[in-house]
């Protein structure tokens, strides 16, 4: 790798704005805002609108819409049973 062309990779804290859930992970993102975590270290803080703590897919609150696709319409039109 060439020196001086890659961004600095460091530990940061991402915080979900809607639930307050925080997690530490490696990232090249930077932030002026910092937070002191339970381990005693201070990390840059990056606020996100949605995370696995609030996303409907991960929380089990996902809404399923009944959308008939082309295959379903074909099967209905020609009397094929859904398997």
PDB file of N, CA and C in Angstrom:
ATOM      1  N   UNK A   1       0.832  -1.181   0.000  1.00  0.00           N
ATOM      2  CA  UNK A   1       0.000   0.000   0.000  1.00  0.00           C
ATOM      3  C   UNK A   1       0.878   1.246   0.000  1.00  0.00           C
ATOM      4  N   UNK A   2       0.417   2.246  -0.693  1.00  0.00           N
ATOM      5  CA  UNK A   2       1.150   3.511  -0.714  1.00  0.00           C
ATOM      6  C   UNK A   2       0.860   4.290   0.563  1.00  0.00           C
ATOM      7  N   UNK A   3       1.874   4.950   1.064  1.00  0.00           N
ATOM      8  CA  UNK A   3       1.731   5.748   2.281  1.00  0.00           C
ATOM      9  C   UNK A   3       1.038   7.067   1.983  1.00  0.00           C
ATOM     10  N   UNK A   4       0.209   7.521   2.936  1.00  0.00           N
ATOM     11  CA  UNK A   4      -0.375   8.843   2.872  1.00  0.00           C
ATOM     12  C   UNK A   4      -1.626   8.983   2.024  1.00  0.00           C
ATOM     13  N   UNK A   5      -2.150   7.907   1.441  1.00  0.00           N
ATOM     14  CA  UNK A   5      -3.344   8.048   0.603  1.00  0.00           C
ATOM     15  C   UNK A   5      -4.582   7.411   1.230  1.00  0.00           C
ATOM     16  N   UNK A   6      -4.417   6.660   2.296  1.00  0.00           N
ATOM     17  CA  UNK A   6      -5.533   5.953   2.908  1.00  0.00           C
ATOM     18  C   UNK A   6      -6.050   6.706   4.133  1.00  0.00           C
ATOM     19  N   UNK A   7      -7.376   6.736   4.343  1.00  0.00           N
ATOM     20  CA  UNK A   7      -7.916   7.410   5.531  1.00  0.00           C
ATOM     21  C   UNK A   7      -7.569   6.636   6.799  1.00  0.00           C
ATOM     22  N   UNK A   8      -7.531   7.354   7.911  1.00  0.00           N
ATOM     23  CA  UNK A   8      -7.210   6.739   9.203  1.00  0.00           C
ATOM     24  C   UNK A   8      -8.385   5.881   9.664  1.00  0.00           C
ATOM     25  N   UNK A   9      -8.092   4.650  10.020  1.00  0.00           N
ATOM     26  CA  UNK A   9      -9.100   3.717  10.519  1.00  0.00           C
ATOM     27  C   UNK A   9      -8.985   3.682  12.039  1.00  0.00           C
ATOM     28  N   UNK A  10     -10.085   3.992  12.746  1.00  0.00           N
ATOM     29  CA  UNK A  10     -10.044   4.072  14.198  1.00  0.00           C
ATOM     30  C   UNK A  10     -11.404   3.658  14.776  1.00  0.00           C
ATOM     31  N   UNK A  11     -11.464   3.498  16.083  1.00  0.00           N
ATOM     32  CA  UNK A  11     -12.692   3.137  16.769  1.00  0.00           C
ATOM     33  C   UNK A  11     -13.588   4.370  16.916  1.00  0.00           C
ATOM     34  N   UNK A  12     -14.882   4.211  16.609  1.00  0.00           N
ATOM     35  CA  UNK A  12     -15.864   5.279  16.772  1.00  0.00           C
ATOM     36  C   UNK A  12     -17.120   4.691  17.405  1.00  0.00           C
ATOM     37  N   UNK A  13     -17.965   5.561  17.946  1.00  0.00           N
ATOM     38  CA  UNK A  13     -19.250   5.149  18.515  1.00  0.00           C
ATOM     39  C   UNK A  13     -20.356   5.651  17.604  1.00  0.00           C
ATOM     40  N   UNK A  14     -21.225   4.751  17.195  1.00  0.00           N
ATOM     41  CA  UNK A  14     -22.422   5.115  16.451  1.00  0.00           C
ATOM     42  C   UNK A  14     -23.592   5.077  17.422  1.00  0.00           C
ATOM     43  N   UNK A  15     -24.424   6.118  17.403  1.00  0.00           N
ATOM     44  CA  UNK A  15     -25.581   6.184  18.295  1.00  0.00           C
ATOM     45  C   UNK A  15     -26.847   6.354  17.474  1.00  0.00           C
ATOM     46  N   UNK A  16     -27.824   5.483  17.733  1.00  0.00           N
ATOM     47  CA  UNK A  16     -29.119   5.558  17.070  1.00  0.00           C
ATOM     48  C   UNK A  16     -29.891   6.720  17.681  1.00  0.00           C
ATOM     49  N   UNK A  17     -30.296   7.683  16.861  1.00  0.00           N
ATOM     50  CA  UNK A  17     -30.985   8.876  17.353  1.00  0.00           C
ATOM     51  C   UNK A  17     -32.364   8.567  17.914  1.00  0.00           C
ATOM     52  N   UNK A  18     -33.030   7.542  17.394  1.00  0.00           N
ATOM     53  CA  UNK A  18     -34.393   7.263  17.847  1.00  0.00           C
ATOM     54  C   UNK A  18     -34.449   6.427  19.117  1.00  0.00           C
ATOM     55  N   UNK A  19     -33.466   5.562  19.364  1.00  0.00           N
ATOM     56  CA  UNK A  19     -33.510   4.698  20.552  1.00  0.00           C
ATOM     57  C   UNK A  19     -32.404   4.971  21.563  1.00  0.00           C
ATOM     58  N   UNK A  20     -31.349   5.660  21.150  1.00  0.00           N
ATOM     59  CA  UNK A  20     -30.232   5.916  22.052  1.00  0.00           C
ATOM     60  C   UNK A  20     -29.235   4.770  22.105  1.00  0.00           C
ATOM     61  N   UNK A  21     -29.464   3.703  21.355  1.00  0.00           N
ATOM     62  CA  UNK A  21     -28.567   2.544  21.311  1.00  0.00           C
ATOM     63  C   UNK A  21     -27.207   2.966  20.777  1.00  0.00           C
ATOM     64  N   UNK A  22     -26.120   2.556  21.459  1.00  0.00           N
ATOM     65  CA  UNK A  22     -24.764   2.913  21.060  1.00  0.00           C
ATOM     66  C   UNK A  22     -23.939   1.654  20.852  1.00  0.00           C
ATOM     67  N   UNK A  23     -23.064   1.691  19.846  1.00  0.00           N
ATOM     68  CA  UNK A  23     -22.133   0.586  19.650  1.00  0.00           C
ATOM     69  C   UNK A  23     -20.814   1.116  19.114  1.00  0.00           C
ATOM     70  N   UNK A  24     -19.741   0.437  19.482  1.00  0.00           N
ATOM     71  CA  UNK A  24     -18.389   0.814  19.083  1.00  0.00           C
ATOM     72  C   UNK A  24     -17.970  -0.083  17.928  1.00  0.00           C
ATOM     73  N   UNK A  25     -17.421   0.533  16.900  1.00  0.00           N
ATOM     74  CA  UNK A  25     -16.922  -0.228  15.762  1.00  0.00           C
ATOM     75  C   UNK A  25     -15.815   0.563  15.079  1.00  0.00           C
ATOM     76  N   UNK A  26     -15.084  -0.088  14.227  1.00  0.00           N
ATOM     77  CA  UNK A  26     -14.038   0.580  13.474  1.00  0.00           C
ATOM     78  C   UNK A  26     -14.610   1.305  12.273  1.00  0.00           C
ATOM     79  N   UNK A  27     -14.072   2.471  11.974  1.00  0.00           N
ATOM     80  CA  UNK A  27     -14.564   3.262  10.856  1.00  0.00           C
ATOM     81  C   UNK A  27     -13.517   4.287  10.447  1.00  0.00           C
ATOM     82  N   UNK A  28     -13.686   4.801   9.243  1.00  0.00           N
ATOM     83  CA  UNK A  28     -12.836   5.906   8.794  1.00  0.00           C
ATOM     84  C   UNK A  28     -13.561   7.233   8.940  1.00  0.00           C
ATOM     85  N   UNK A  29     -14.813   7.202   9.422  1.00  0.00           N
ATOM     86  CA  UNK A  29     -15.598   8.426   9.599  1.00  0.00           C
ATOM     87  C   UNK A  29     -15.039   9.252  10.761  1.00  0.00           C
ATOM     88  N   UNK A  30     -15.135  10.562  10.629  1.00  0.00           N
ATOM     89  CA  UNK A  30     -14.664  11.478  11.667  1.00  0.00           C
ATOM     90  C   UNK A  30     -15.821  12.301  12.201  1.00  0.00           C
ATOM     91  N   UNK A  31     -15.673  12.792  13.429  1.00  0.00           N
ATOM     92  CA  UNK A  31     -16.685  13.628  14.038  1.00  0.00           C
ATOM     93  C   UNK A  31     -16.021  14.540  15.060  1.00  0.00           C
ATOM     94  N   UNK A  32     -16.531  15.758  15.177  1.00  0.00           N
ATOM     95  CA  UNK A  32     -16.044  16.695  16.186  1.00  0.00           C
ATOM     96  C   UNK A  32     -16.606  16.338  17.559  1.00  0.00           C
ATOM     97  N   UNK A  33     -17.769  15.702  17.577  1.00  0.00           N
ATOM     98  CA  UNK A  33     -18.429  15.344  18.832  1.00  0.00           C
ATOM     99  C   UNK A  33     -17.808  14.060  19.386  1.00  0.00           C
ATOM    100  N   UNK A  34     -17.600  13.998  20.710  1.00  0.00           N
ATOM    101  CA  UNK A  34     -17.023  12.816  21.345  1.00  0.00           C
ATOM    102  C   UNK A  34     -17.924  12.341  22.470  1.00  0.00           C
ATOM    103  N   UNK A  35     -17.687  11.102  22.912  1.00  0.00           N
ATOM    104  CA  UNK A  35     -18.446  10.524  24.008  1.00  0.00           C
ATOM    105  C   UNK A  35     -17.518   9.618  24.808  1.00  0.00           C
ATOM    106  N   UNK A  36     -17.697   9.629  26.129  1.00  0.00           N
ATOM    107  CA  UNK A  36     -16.927   8.754  26.999  1.00  0.00           C
ATOM    108  C   UNK A  36     -17.774   7.520  27.277  1.00  0.00           C
ATOM    109  N   UNK A  37     -17.243   6.349  26.955  1.00  0.00           N
ATOM    110  CA  UNK A  37     -17.982   5.102  27.111  1.00  0.00           C
ATOM    111  C   UNK A  37     -17.661   4.450  28.455  1.00  0.00           C
ATOM    112  N   UNK A  38     -18.351   3.359  28.748  1.00  0.00           N
ATOM    113  CA  UNK A  38     -18.200   2.655  30.019  1.00  0.00           C
ATOM    114  C   UNK A  38     -16.800   2.090  30.229  1.00  0.00           C
ATOM    115  N   UNK A  39     -16.071   1.858  29.144  1.00  0.00           N
ATOM    116  CA  UNK A  39     -14.719   1.316  29.285  1.00  0.00           C
ATOM    117  C   UNK A  39     -13.699   2.382  29.671  1.00  0.00           C
ATOM    118  N   UNK A  40     -14.155   3.633  29.814  1.00  0.00           N
ATOM    119  CA  UNK A  40     -13.282   4.716  30.236  1.00  0.00           C
ATOM    120  C   UNK A  40     -12.606   5.471  29.108  1.00  0.00           C
ATOM    121  N   UNK A  41     -12.755   5.010  27.890  1.00  0.00           N
ATOM    122  CA  UNK A  41     -12.141   5.668  26.739  1.00  0.00           C
ATOM    123  C   UNK A  41     -13.103   6.669  26.109  1.00  0.00           C
ATOM    124  N   UNK A  42     -12.536   7.665  25.457  1.00  0.00           N
ATOM    125  CA  UNK A  42     -13.322   8.665  24.739  1.00  0.00           C
ATOM    126  C   UNK A  42     -13.209   8.385  23.247  1.00  0.00           C
ATOM    127  N   UNK A  43     -14.363   8.353  22.574  1.00  0.00           N
ATOM    128  CA  UNK A  43     -14.426   8.032  21.152  1.00  0.00           C
ATOM    129  C   UNK A  43     -15.171   9.141  20.400  1.00  0.00           C
ATOM    130  N   UNK A  44     -14.904   9.287  19.105  1.00  0.00           N
ATOM    131  CA  UNK A  44     -15.736  10.182  18.290  1.00  0.00           C
ATOM    132  C   UNK A  44     -17.163   9.614  18.224  1.00  0.00           C
ATOM    133  N   UNK A  45     -18.166  10.478  18.247  1.00  0.00           N
ATOM    134  CA  UNK A  45     -19.566  10.060  18.225  1.00  0.00           C
ATOM    135  C   UNK A  45     -20.186  10.425  16.887  1.00  0.00           C
ATOM    136  N   UNK A  46     -20.803   9.444  16.255  1.00  0.00           N
ATOM    137  CA  UNK A  46     -21.514   9.661  14.999  1.00  0.00           C
ATOM    138  C   UNK A  46     -22.959   9.237  15.219  1.00  0.00           C
ATOM    139  N   UNK A  47     -23.878  10.172  15.003  1.00  0.00           N
ATOM    140  CA  UNK A  47     -25.308   9.898  15.193  1.00  0.00           C
ATOM    141  C   UNK A  47     -25.900   9.391  13.876  1.00  0.00           C
ATOM    142  N   UNK A  48     -26.685   8.314  13.978  1.00  0.00           N
ATOM    143  CA  UNK A  48     -27.352   7.740  12.812  1.00  0.00           C
ATOM    144  C   UNK A  48     -28.852   7.716  13.064  1.00  0.00           C
ATOM    145  N   UNK A  49     -29.642   7.780  12.001  1.00  0.00           N
ATOM    146  CA  UNK A  49     -31.095   7.811  12.145  1.00  0.00           C
ATOM    147  C   UNK A  49     -31.677   6.443  12.423  1.00  0.00           C
ATOM    148  N   UNK A  50     -31.029   5.387  11.934  1.00  0.00           N
ATOM    149  CA  UNK A  50     -31.570   4.047  12.102  1.00  0.00           C
ATOM    150  C   UNK A  50     -30.422   3.059  12.253  1.00  0.00           C
ATOM    151  N   UNK A  51     -30.633   2.068  13.099  1.00  0.00           N
ATOM    152  CA  UNK A  51     -29.653   1.014  13.298  1.00  0.00           C
ATOM    153  C   UNK A  51     -30.406  -0.303  13.464  1.00  0.00           C
ATOM    154  N   UNK A  52     -29.687  -1.359  13.781  1.00  0.00           N
ATOM    155  CA  UNK A  52     -30.344  -2.650  13.976  1.00  0.00           C
ATOM    156  C   UNK A  52     -31.275  -2.627  15.186  1.00  0.00           C
ATOM    157  N   UNK A  53     -31.092  -1.673  16.085  1.00  0.00           N
ATOM    158  CA  UNK A  53     -31.944  -1.565  17.267  1.00  0.00           C
ATOM    159  C   UNK A  53     -33.314  -0.967  16.941  1.00  0.00           C
ATOM    160  N   UNK A  54     -33.421  -0.210  15.848  1.00  0.00           N
ATOM    161  CA  UNK A  54     -34.690   0.433  15.521  1.00  0.00           C
ATOM    162  C   UNK A  54     -35.246   0.043  14.152  1.00  0.00           C
ATOM    163  N   UNK A  55     -34.483  -0.667  13.333  1.00  0.00           N
ATOM    164  CA  UNK A  55     -34.957  -1.032  11.998  1.00  0.00           C
ATOM    165  C   UNK A  55     -36.027  -2.123  12.096  1.00  0.00           C
ATOM    166  N   UNK A  56     -37.151  -1.959  11.406  1.00  0.00           N
ATOM    167  CA  UNK A  56     -38.248  -2.930  11.505  1.00  0.00           C
ATOM    168  C   UNK A  56     -37.853  -4.362  11.143  1.00  0.00           C
ATOM    169  N   UNK A  57     -36.920  -4.552  10.246  1.00  0.00           N
ATOM    170  CA  UNK A  57     -36.506  -5.902   9.881  1.00  0.00           C
ATOM    171  C   UNK A  57     -35.884  -6.625  11.076  1.00  0.00           C
ATOM    172  N   UNK A  58     -35.065  -5.923  11.852  1.00  0.00           N
ATOM    173  CA  UNK A  58     -34.369  -6.540  12.978  1.00  0.00           C
ATOM    174  C   UNK A  58     -35.205  -6.573  14.253  1.00  0.00           C
ATOM    175  N   UNK A  59     -36.170  -5.685  14.379  1.00  0.00           N
ATOM    176  CA  UNK A  59     -36.993  -5.654  15.587  1.00  0.00           C
ATOM    177  C   UNK A  59     -38.199  -6.578  15.491  1.00  0.00           C
ATOM    178  N   UNK A  60     -38.493  -7.116  14.305  1.00  0.00           N
ATOM    179  CA  UNK A  60     -39.627  -8.008  14.129  1.00  0.00           C
ATOM    180  C   UNK A  60     -40.935  -7.274  13.921  1.00  0.00           C
ATOM    181  N   UNK A  61     -40.890  -5.988  13.720  1.00  0.00           N
ATOM    182  CA  UNK A  61     -42.098  -5.188  13.516  1.00  0.00           C
ATOM    183  C   UNK A  61     -42.274  -4.805  12.055  1.00  0.00           C
ATOM    184  N   UNK A  62     -41.741  -5.649  11.192  1.00  0.00           N
ATOM    185  CA  UNK A  62     -41.807  -5.384   9.765  1.00  0.00           C
ATOM    186  C   UNK A  62     -43.224  -5.619   9.264  1.00  0.00           C
ATOM    187  N   UNK A  63     -43.685  -4.723   8.411  1.00  0.00           N
ATOM    188  CA  UNK A  63     -45.013  -4.846   7.827  1.00  0.00           C
ATOM    189  C   UNK A  63     -44.882  -5.519   6.466  1.00  0.00           C
ATOM    190  N   UNK A  64     -45.700  -6.537   6.260  1.00  0.00           N
ATOM    191  CA  UNK A  64     -45.701  -7.219   4.981  1.00  0.00           C
ATOM    192  C   UNK A  64     -46.907  -6.752   4.185  1.00  0.00           C
ATOM    193  N   UNK A  65     -46.657  -6.289   2.997  1.00  0.00           N
ATOM    194  CA  UNK A  65     -47.760  -5.856   2.147  1.00  0.00           C
ATOM    195  C   UNK A  65     -48.123  -6.990   1.208  1.00  0.00           C
ATOM    196  N   UNK A  66     -49.385  -7.110   0.934  1.00  0.00           N
ATOM    197  CA  UNK A  66     -49.856  -8.152   0.036  1.00  0.00           C
ATOM    198  C   UNK A  66     -49.779  -7.626  -1.392  1.00  0.00           C
ATOM    199  N   UNK A  67     -48.738  -7.965  -2.075  1.00  0.00           N
ATOM    200  CA  UNK A  67     -48.548  -7.498  -3.448  1.00  0.00           C
ATOM    201  C   UNK A  67     -48.498  -8.712  -4.365  1.00  0.00           C
ATOM    202  N   UNK A  68     -49.444  -8.784  -5.263  1.00  0.00           N
ATOM    203  CA  UNK A  68     -49.454  -9.885  -6.212  1.00  0.00           C
ATOM    204  C   UNK A  68     -48.516  -9.564  -7.359  1.00  0.00           C
ATOM    205  N   UNK A  69     -47.575 -10.467  -7.592  1.00  0.00           N
ATOM    206  CA  UNK A  69     -46.640 -10.286  -8.684  1.00  0.00           C
ATOM    207  C   UNK A  69     -47.179 -10.878  -9.966  1.00  0.00           C
ATOM    208  N   UNK A  70     -46.389 -10.804 -11.005  1.00  0.00           N
ATOM    209  CA  UNK A  70     -46.802 -11.308 -12.318  1.00  0.00           C
ATOM    210  C   UNK A  70     -47.046 -12.810 -12.288  1.00  0.00           C
ATOM    211  N   UNK A  71     -46.222 -13.535 -11.555  1.00  0.00           N
ATOM    212  CA  UNK A  71     -46.390 -14.988 -11.476  1.00  0.00           C
ATOM    213  C   UNK A  71     -47.687 -15.336 -10.759  1.00  0.00           C
ATOM    214  N   UNK A  72     -48.010 -14.644  -9.677  1.00  0.00           N
ATOM    215  CA  UNK A  72     -49.256 -14.900  -8.956  1.00  0.00           C
ATOM    216  C   UNK A  72     -50.473 -14.595  -9.821  1.00  0.00           C
ATOM    217  N   UNK A  73     -50.413 -13.499 -10.557  1.00  0.00           N
ATOM    218  CA  UNK A  73     -51.532 -13.160 -11.449  1.00  0.00           C
ATOM    219  C   UNK A  73     -51.704 -14.222 -12.531  1.00  0.00           C
ATOM    220  N   UNK A  74     -50.597 -14.713 -13.083  1.00  0.00           N
ATOM    221  CA  UNK A  74     -50.652 -15.764 -14.096  1.00  0.00           C
ATOM    222  C   UNK A  74     -51.290 -17.017 -13.517  1.00  0.00           C
ATOM    223  N   UNK A  75     -50.840 -17.414 -12.313  1.00  0.00           N
ATOM    224  CA  UNK A  75     -51.379 -18.616 -11.675  1.00  0.00           C
ATOM    225  C   UNK A  75     -52.864 -18.475 -11.384  1.00  0.00           C
ATOM    226  N   UNK A  76     -53.307 -17.303 -10.956  1.00  0.00           N
ATOM    227  CA  UNK A  76     -54.730 -17.075 -10.690  1.00  0.00           C
ATOM    228  C   UNK A  76     -55.540 -17.117 -11.978  1.00  0.00           C
ATOM    229  N   UNK A  77     -54.996 -16.513 -13.016  1.00  0.00           N
ATOM    230  CA  UNK A  77     -55.710 -16.425 -14.292  1.00  0.00           C
ATOM    231  C   UNK A  77     -55.934 -17.803 -14.905  1.00  0.00           C
ATOM    232  N   UNK A  78     -54.931 -18.672 -14.793  1.00  0.00           N
ATOM    233  CA  UNK A  78     -55.015 -19.979 -15.427  1.00  0.00           C
ATOM    234  C   UNK A  78     -55.324 -21.108 -14.443  1.00  0.00           C
ATOM    235  N   UNK A  79     -55.678 -20.780 -13.205  1.00  0.00           N
ATOM    236  CA  UNK A  79     -56.176 -21.757 -12.252  1.00  0.00           C
ATOM    237  C   UNK A  79     -55.121 -22.646 -11.618  1.00  0.00           C
ATOM    238  N   UNK A  80     -53.874 -22.230 -11.612  1.00  0.00           N
ATOM    239  CA  UNK A  80     -52.845 -23.021 -10.938  1.00  0.00           C
ATOM    240  C   UNK A  80     -52.875 -22.736  -9.457  1.00  0.00           C
ATOM    241  N   UNK A  81     -52.729 -23.777  -8.645  1.00  0.00           N
ATOM    242  CA  UNK A  81     -52.747 -23.607  -7.193  1.00  0.00           C
ATOM    243  C   UNK A  81     -51.376 -23.138  -6.726  1.00  0.00           C
ATOM    244  N   UNK A  82     -51.368 -22.271  -5.710  1.00  0.00           N
ATOM    245  CA  UNK A  82     -50.106 -21.825  -5.114  1.00  0.00           C
ATOM    246  C   UNK A  82     -49.539 -22.947  -4.273  1.00  0.00           C
ATOM    247  N   UNK A  83     -48.259 -23.156  -4.397  1.00  0.00           N
ATOM    248  CA  UNK A  83     -47.614 -24.243  -3.634  1.00  0.00           C
ATOM    249  C   UNK A  83     -46.802 -23.659  -2.520  1.00  0.00           C
TER     250      UNK A  83
END
